[in-house]
PDB file of N, CA and C in Angstrom:
ATOM      1  N   MET A   1       4.150   7.497  -9.754  1.00  0.00           N
ATOM      2  CA  MET A   1       3.241   6.747 -10.631  1.00  0.00           C
ATOM      3  C   MET A   1       4.202   5.760 -11.506  1.00  0.00           C
ATOM      4  N   SER A   2       5.255   6.210 -11.576  1.00  0.00           N
ATOM      5  CA  SER A   2       6.062   5.322 -12.815  1.00  0.00           C
ATOM      6  C   SER A   2       6.587   4.195 -11.871  1.00  0.00           C
ATOM      7  N   ARG A   3       6.772   4.288 -10.490  1.00  0.00           N
ATOM      8  CA  ARG A   3       7.364   3.370  -9.825  1.00  0.00           C
ATOM      9  C   ARG A   3       5.944   2.100  -9.746  1.00  0.00           C
ATOM     10  N   VAL A   4       4.960   2.679  -9.583  1.00  0.00           N
ATOM     11  CA  VAL A   4       3.738   1.471  -9.466  1.00  0.00           C
ATOM     12  C   VAL A   4       3.621   0.937 -10.765  1.00  0.00           C
ATOM     13  N   VAL A   5       3.724   1.675 -11.859  1.00  0.00           N
ATOM     14  CA  VAL A   5       3.656   0.857 -13.149  1.00  0.00           C
ATOM     15  C   VAL A   5       4.786  -0.136 -13.409  1.00  0.00           C
ATOM     16  N   GLY A   6       6.138   0.398 -12.966  1.00  0.00           N
ATOM     17  CA  GLY A   6       7.184  -0.362 -13.282  1.00  0.00           C
ATOM     18  C   GLY A   6       6.992  -1.620 -12.216  1.00  0.00           C
ATOM     19  N   ALA A   7       6.465  -1.632 -11.161  1.00  0.00           N
ATOM     20  CA  ALA A   7       6.342  -2.449 -10.099  1.00  0.00           C
ATOM     21  C   ALA A   7       5.468  -3.629 -10.784  1.00  0.00           C
ATOM     22  N   GLY A   8       4.306  -3.081 -11.391  1.00  0.00           N
ATOM     23  CA  GLY A   8       3.271  -3.986 -12.064  1.00  0.00           C
ATOM     24  C   GLY A   8       4.182  -4.807 -13.245  1.00  0.00           C
ATOM     25  N   TYR A   9       4.912  -4.188 -13.909  1.00  0.00           N
ATOM     26  CA  TYR A   9       5.470  -4.888 -14.886  1.00  0.00           C
ATOM     27  C   TYR A   9       6.431  -5.805 -14.619  1.00  0.00           C
ATOM     28  N   VAL A  10       7.210  -5.680 -13.345  1.00  0.00           N
ATOM     29  CA  VAL A  10       8.043  -6.535 -12.825  1.00  0.00           C
ATOM     30  C   VAL A  10       7.051  -7.774 -12.153  1.00  0.00           C
ATOM     31  N   ASP A  11       6.123  -7.523 -11.696  1.00  0.00           N
ATOM     32  CA  ASP A  11       5.352  -8.615 -11.017  1.00  0.00           C
ATOM     33  C   ASP A  11       4.606  -9.496 -12.096  1.00  0.00           C
ATOM     34  N   GLN A  12       4.226  -8.850 -13.349  1.00  0.00           N
ATOM     35  CA  GLN A  12       3.705  -9.808 -14.479  1.00  0.00           C
ATOM     36  C   GLN A  12       4.846 -10.699 -14.879  1.00  0.00           C
ATOM     37  N   LEU A  13       6.015 -10.129 -15.099  1.00  0.00           N
ATOM     38  CA  LEU A  13       7.117 -10.922 -15.448  1.00  0.00           C
ATOM     39  C   LEU A  13       7.821 -11.994 -14.441  1.00  0.00           C
ATOM     40  N   ALA A  14       7.692 -11.486 -13.185  1.00  0.00           N
ATOM     41  CA  ALA A  14       8.659 -12.557 -12.397  1.00  0.00           C
ATOM     42  C   ALA A  14       7.521 -13.359 -11.560  1.00  0.00           C
ATOM     43  N   GLY A  15       6.067 -12.931 -11.218  1.00  0.00           N
ATOM     44  CA  GLY A  15       5.238 -13.703 -10.530  1.00  0.00           C
ATOM     45  C   GLY A  15       5.121 -15.335 -11.274  1.00  0.00           C
ATOM     46  N   PRO A  16       4.614 -15.429 -12.308  1.00  0.00           N
ATOM     47  CA  PRO A  16       4.721 -16.596 -12.826  1.00  0.00           C
ATOM     48  C   PRO A  16       5.887 -17.664 -12.396  1.00  0.00           C
ATOM     49  N   SER A  17       7.002 -17.043 -12.795  1.00  0.00           N
ATOM     50  CA  SER A  17       8.340 -17.779 -12.492  1.00  0.00           C
ATOM     51  C   SER A  17       8.528 -18.161 -10.945  1.00  0.00           C
ATOM     52  N   LEU A  18       8.091 -17.299 -10.170  1.00  0.00           N
ATOM     53  CA  LEU A  18       8.167 -17.519  -8.833  1.00  0.00           C
ATOM     54  C   LEU A  18       7.247 -18.522  -8.400  1.00  0.00           C
ATOM     55  N   VAL A  19       5.989 -18.506  -8.871  1.00  0.00           N
ATOM     56  CA  VAL A  19       4.992 -19.601  -8.474  1.00  0.00           C
ATOM     57  C   VAL A  19       5.557 -20.633  -8.883  1.00  0.00           C
ATOM     58  N   GLY A  20       5.984 -20.790 -10.179  1.00  0.00           N
ATOM     59  CA  GLY A  20       6.481 -22.107 -10.608  1.00  0.00           C
ATOM     60  C   GLY A  20       7.622 -22.843  -9.629  1.00  0.00           C
ATOM     61  N   ALA A  21       8.336 -21.770  -9.331  1.00  0.00           N
ATOM     62  CA  ALA A  21       9.610 -22.291  -8.480  1.00  0.00           C
ATOM     63  C   ALA A  21       9.013 -22.933  -7.399  1.00  0.00           C
ATOM     64  N   ALA A  22       8.236 -22.137  -6.647  1.00  0.00           N
ATOM     65  CA  ALA A  22       7.725 -22.606  -5.288  1.00  0.00           C
ATOM     66  C   ALA A  22       6.822 -23.835  -5.389  1.00  0.00           C
ATOM     67  N   ALA A  23       6.264 -24.131  -6.810  1.00  0.00           N
ATOM     68  CA  ALA A  23       5.210 -25.388  -6.989  1.00  0.00           C
ATOM     69  C   ALA A  23       6.379 -26.489  -7.030  1.00  0.00           C
ATOM     70  N   GLY A  24       7.596 -26.204  -7.183  1.00  0.00           N
ATOM     71  CA  GLY A  24       8.423 -27.503  -7.194  1.00  0.00           C
ATOM     72  C   GLY A  24       9.053 -27.831  -5.945  1.00  0.00           C
ATOM     73  N   LEU A  25       8.648 -26.845  -4.968  1.00  0.00           N
ATOM     74  CA  LEU A  25       9.238 -27.200  -3.535  1.00  0.00           C
ATOM     75  C   LEU A  25       8.090 -27.683  -2.875  1.00  0.00           C
ATOM     76  N   VAL A  26       6.555 -27.102  -2.871  1.00  0.00           N
ATOM     77  CA  VAL A  26       5.611 -27.417  -2.033  1.00  0.00           C
ATOM     78  C   VAL A  26       4.323 -27.845  -3.162  1.00  0.00           C
ATOM     79  N   ARG A  27       3.172 -28.227  -2.675  1.00  0.00           N
ATOM     80  CA  ARG A  27       2.218 -28.591  -3.445  1.00  0.00           C
ATOM     81  C   ARG A  27       1.773 -27.281  -4.183  1.00  0.00           C
ATOM     82  N   LEU A  28       1.171 -27.371  -5.429  1.00  0.00           N
ATOM     83  CA  LEU A  28       0.602 -26.177  -6.170  1.00  0.00           C
ATOM     84  C   LEU A  28      -0.447 -25.425  -5.302  1.00  0.00           C
ATOM     85  N   ASN A  29      -1.396 -26.100  -4.694  1.00  0.00           N
ATOM     86  CA  ASN A  29      -2.313 -25.560  -3.916  1.00  0.00           C
ATOM     87  C   ASN A  29      -2.053 -24.445  -3.050  1.00  0.00           C
ATOM     88  N   LEU A  30      -0.565 -24.906  -2.177  1.00  0.00           N
ATOM     89  CA  LEU A  30      -0.220 -23.917  -1.180  1.00  0.00           C
ATOM     90  C   LEU A  30       0.519 -23.001  -1.858  1.00  0.00           C
ATOM     91  N   THR A  31       1.029 -23.117  -3.098  1.00  0.00           N
ATOM     92  CA  THR A  31       1.933 -22.079  -3.825  1.00  0.00           C
ATOM     93  C   THR A  31       0.928 -20.981  -3.988  1.00  0.00           C
ATOM     94  N   PHE A  32      -0.336 -21.122  -4.436  1.00  0.00           N
ATOM     95  CA  PHE A  32      -1.173 -20.048  -4.678  1.00  0.00           C
ATOM     96  C   PHE A  32      -1.481 -19.043  -3.480  1.00  0.00           C
ATOM     97  N   VAL A  33      -1.240 -19.542  -2.225  1.00  0.00           N
ATOM     98  CA  VAL A  33      -1.095 -18.604  -1.008  1.00  0.00           C
ATOM     99  C   VAL A  33      -0.189 -17.600  -1.039  1.00  0.00           C
ATOM    100  N   LEU A  34       0.869 -17.794  -1.944  1.00  0.00           N
ATOM    101  CA  LEU A  34       2.012 -16.854  -2.054  1.00  0.00           C
ATOM    102  C   LEU A  34       1.522 -15.468  -2.322  1.00  0.00           C
ATOM    103  N   PRO A  35       0.843 -15.302  -3.716  1.00  0.00           N
ATOM    104  CA  PRO A  35       0.383 -14.031  -3.796  1.00  0.00           C
ATOM    105  C   PRO A  35      -0.536 -13.337  -3.025  1.00  0.00           C
ATOM    106  N   PHE A  36      -1.376 -14.145  -2.166  1.00  0.00           N
ATOM    107  CA  PHE A  36      -2.151 -13.500  -1.252  1.00  0.00           C
ATOM    108  C   PHE A  36      -1.403 -12.821   0.021  1.00  0.00           C
ATOM    109  N   LEU A  37      -0.156 -13.709   0.367  1.00  0.00           N
ATOM    110  CA  LEU A  37       0.360 -13.097   1.162  1.00  0.00           C
ATOM    111  C   LEU A  37       1.248 -11.821   0.920  1.00  0.00           C
ATOM    112  N   PHE A  38       1.509 -11.890  -0.325  1.00  0.00           N
ATOM    113  CA  PHE A  38       2.373 -10.626  -0.871  1.00  0.00           C
ATOM    114  C   PHE A  38       1.367  -9.406  -0.706  1.00  0.00           C
ATOM    115  N   CYS A  39      -0.083  -9.582  -1.331  1.00  0.00           N
ATOM    116  CA  CYS A  39      -0.831  -8.571  -1.038  1.00  0.00           C
ATOM    117  C   CYS A  39      -1.150  -8.081   0.324  1.00  0.00           C
ATOM    118  N   LEU A  40      -1.203  -8.972   1.171  1.00  0.00           N
ATOM    119  CA  LEU A  40      -1.216  -8.747   2.696  1.00  0.00           C
ATOM    120  C   LEU A  40       0.024  -7.999   3.229  1.00  0.00           C
ATOM    121  N   LEU A  41       1.218  -8.347   2.559  1.00  0.00           N
ATOM    122  CA  LEU A  41       2.520  -7.586   3.008  1.00  0.00           C
ATOM    123  C   LEU A  41       2.133  -6.153   2.383  1.00  0.00           C
ATOM    124  N   GLY A  42       1.875  -5.898   1.068  1.00  0.00           N
ATOM    125  CA  GLY A  42       1.634  -4.650   0.688  1.00  0.00           C
ATOM    126  C   GLY A  42       0.793  -3.718   1.417  1.00  0.00           C
ATOM    127  N   VAL A  43      -0.386  -4.393   2.241  1.00  0.00           N
ATOM    128  CA  VAL A  43      -1.346  -3.513   2.604  1.00  0.00           C
ATOM    129  C   VAL A  43      -0.426  -3.164   4.054  1.00  0.00           C
ATOM    130  N   VAL A  44       0.167  -3.872   4.702  1.00  0.00           N
ATOM    131  CA  VAL A  44       1.038  -3.565   5.885  1.00  0.00           C
ATOM    132  C   VAL A  44       2.192  -2.553   5.650  1.00  0.00           C
ATOM    133  N   ILE A  45       2.945  -2.611   4.440  1.00  0.00           N
ATOM    134  CA  ILE A  45       3.885  -1.757   4.237  1.00  0.00           C
ATOM    135  C   ILE A  45       3.264  -0.352   3.713  1.00  0.00           C
ATOM    136  N   ALA A  46       2.101  -0.347   3.328  1.00  0.00           N
ATOM    137  CA  ALA A  46       1.361   0.837   2.849  1.00  0.00           C
ATOM    138  C   ALA A  46       0.964   1.514   4.170  1.00  0.00           C
ATOM    139  N   ARG A  47       0.640   1.027   4.983  1.00  0.00           N
ATOM    140  CA  ARG A  47       0.231   1.512   6.364  1.00  0.00           C
ATOM    141  C   ARG A  47       1.378   2.260   7.314  1.00  0.00           C
ATOM    142  N   ILE A  48       2.678   1.471   6.897  1.00  0.00           N
ATOM    143  CA  ILE A  48       3.733   1.910   7.618  1.00  0.00           C
ATOM    144  C   ILE A  48       4.267   3.241   6.678  1.00  0.00           C
ATOM    145  N   VAL A  49       4.450   3.219   5.193  1.00  0.00           N
ATOM    146  CA  VAL A  49       5.018   4.391   4.630  1.00  0.00           C
ATOM    147  C   VAL A  49       4.089   5.550   4.434  1.00  0.00           C
ATOM    148  N   THR A  50       2.747   5.319   4.664  1.00  0.00           N
ATOM    149  CA  THR A  50       1.632   6.517   4.577  1.00  0.00           C
ATOM    150  C   THR A  50       2.082   7.616   5.615  1.00  0.00           C
ATOM    151  N   PRO A  51       2.415   8.882   4.920  1.00  0.00           N
ATOM    152  CA  PRO A  51       2.732   9.956   6.023  1.00  0.00           C
ATOM    153  C   PRO A  51       1.222  10.350   6.818  1.00  0.00           C
ATOM    154  N   GLU A  52       1.491  10.490   7.978  1.00  0.00           N
ATOM    155  CA  GLU A  52       0.259  10.978   8.851  1.00  0.00           C
ATOM    156  C   GLU A  52      -0.324  12.156   8.445  1.00  0.00           C
ATOM    157  N   GLN A  53      -1.405  12.404   8.107  1.00  0.00           N
ATOM    158  CA  GLN A  53      -2.018  13.854   7.810  1.00  0.00           C
ATOM    159  C   GLN A  53      -2.341  14.781   9.096  1.00  0.00           C
ATOM    160  N   GLN A  54      -1.918  15.997   8.923  1.00  0.00           N
ATOM    161  CA  GLN A  54      -1.863  16.916   9.973  1.00  0.00           C
ATOM    162  C   GLN A  54      -3.274  17.538   9.969  1.00  0.00           C
ATOM    163  N   SER A  55      -3.920  17.462  11.303  1.00  0.00           N
ATOM    164  CA  SER A  55      -5.244  17.928  11.607  1.00  0.00           C
ATOM    165  C   SER A  55      -5.606  19.417  11.364  1.00  0.00           C
ATOM    166  N   ALA A  56      -6.432  19.928  10.850  1.00  0.00           N
ATOM    167  CA  ALA A  56      -6.932  21.324  10.755  1.00  0.00           C
ATOM    168  C   ALA A  56      -6.644  22.043  12.140  1.00  0.00           C
ATOM    169  N   PRO A  57      -6.324  23.432  12.102  1.00  0.00           N
ATOM    170  CA  PRO A  57      -6.119  24.111  13.465  1.00  0.00           C
ATOM    171  C   PRO A  57      -7.494  24.090  14.240  1.00  0.00           C
ATOM    172  N   ASP A  58      -7.358  24.050  15.333  1.00  0.00           N
ATOM    173  CA  ASP A  58      -8.614  24.060  16.110  1.00  0.00           C
ATOM    174  C   ASP A  58      -9.171  25.564  16.252  1.00  0.00           C
ATOM    175  N   ALA A  59     -10.429  25.749  15.981  1.00  0.00           N
ATOM    176  CA  ALA A  59     -11.110  26.899  16.068  1.00  0.00           C
ATOM    177  C   ALA A  59     -11.183  27.837  17.198  1.00  0.00           C
ATOM    178  N   THR A  60     -11.026  26.958  18.308  1.00  0.00           N
ATOM    179  CA  THR A  60     -10.895  27.530  19.772  1.00  0.00           C
ATOM    180  C   THR A  60      -9.446  28.119  20.000  1.00  0.00           C
ATOM    181  N   ALA A  61      -8.615  27.665  19.256  1.00  0.00           N
ATOM    182  CA  ALA A  61      -7.191  27.948  19.848  1.00  0.00           C
ATOM    183  C   ALA A  61      -6.874  29.514  19.459  1.00  0.00           C
ATOM    184  N   PRO A  62      -5.953  29.893  20.289  1.00  0.00           N
ATOM    185  CA  PRO A  62      -5.586  31.365  20.190  1.00  0.00           C
ATOM    186  C   PRO A  62      -5.103  31.611  18.723  1.00  0.00           C
ATOM    187  N   GLY A  63      -5.393  32.658  18.175  1.00  0.00           N
ATOM    188  CA  GLY A  63      -4.849  32.998  16.875  1.00  0.00           C
ATOM    189  C   GLY A  63      -5.457  32.486  15.706  1.00  0.00           C
ATOM    190  N   ALA A  64      -6.621  31.665  15.925  1.00  0.00           N
ATOM    191  CA  ALA A  64      -7.418  30.941  14.909  1.00  0.00           C
ATOM    192  C   ALA A  64      -8.233  31.877  14.355  1.00  0.00           C
ATOM    193  N   GLU A  65      -8.429  32.038  12.877  1.00  0.00           N
ATOM    194  CA  GLU A  65      -9.343  32.879  12.594  1.00  0.00           C
ATOM    195  C   GLU A  65     -10.995  32.376  12.445  1.00  0.00           C
ATOM    196  N   ALA A  66     -11.802  33.011  12.545  1.00  0.00           N
ATOM    197  CA  ALA A  66     -13.131  32.620  12.332  1.00  0.00           C
ATOM    198  C   ALA A  66     -13.425  32.621  10.711  1.00  0.00           C
ATOM    199  N   SER A  67     -13.618  31.209  10.104  1.00  0.00           N
ATOM    200  CA  SER A  67     -13.757  31.380   8.734  1.00  0.00           C
ATOM    201  C   SER A  67     -15.262  31.581   8.344  1.00  0.00           C
ATOM    202  N   SER A  68     -16.043  31.455   9.317  1.00  0.00           N
ATOM    203  CA  SER A  68     -17.618  31.489   9.170  1.00  0.00           C
ATOM    204  C   SER A  68     -18.100  32.885   9.006  1.00  0.00           C
ATOM    205  N   GLU A  69     -17.254  33.916   9.211  1.00  0.00           N
ATOM    206  CA  GLU A  69     -17.697  35.231   9.529  1.00  0.00           C
ATOM    207  C   GLU A  69     -17.797  35.786   7.831  1.00  0.00           C
ATOM    208  N   VAL A  70     -19.206  36.553   7.792  1.00  0.00           N
ATOM    209  CA  VAL A  70     -19.498  37.457   6.566  1.00  0.00           C
ATOM    210  C   VAL A  70     -19.071  38.744   6.261  1.00  0.00           C
ATOM    211  N   GLN A  71     -18.352  39.223   5.333  1.00  0.00           N
ATOM    212  CA  GLN A  71     -17.658  40.511   5.400  1.00  0.00           C
ATOM    213  C   GLN A  71     -18.675  41.351   4.436  1.00  0.00           C
TER     214      GLN A  71
END
């Protein structure tokens, strides 16, 4: 949680500076595409670094216990 909050603070401080610097190189309208591209990059990276979930054991597998039995 602290890494996400820290990244948010860095974004708030560095974002306007980066957009301003980019606006000096290209048109301002094109500059506002940068935050959108960074959001897309975050989506791609999140899919890469998210661990895969392990599936539940198969009920037909040997050694699997029946959970629906009433005792």
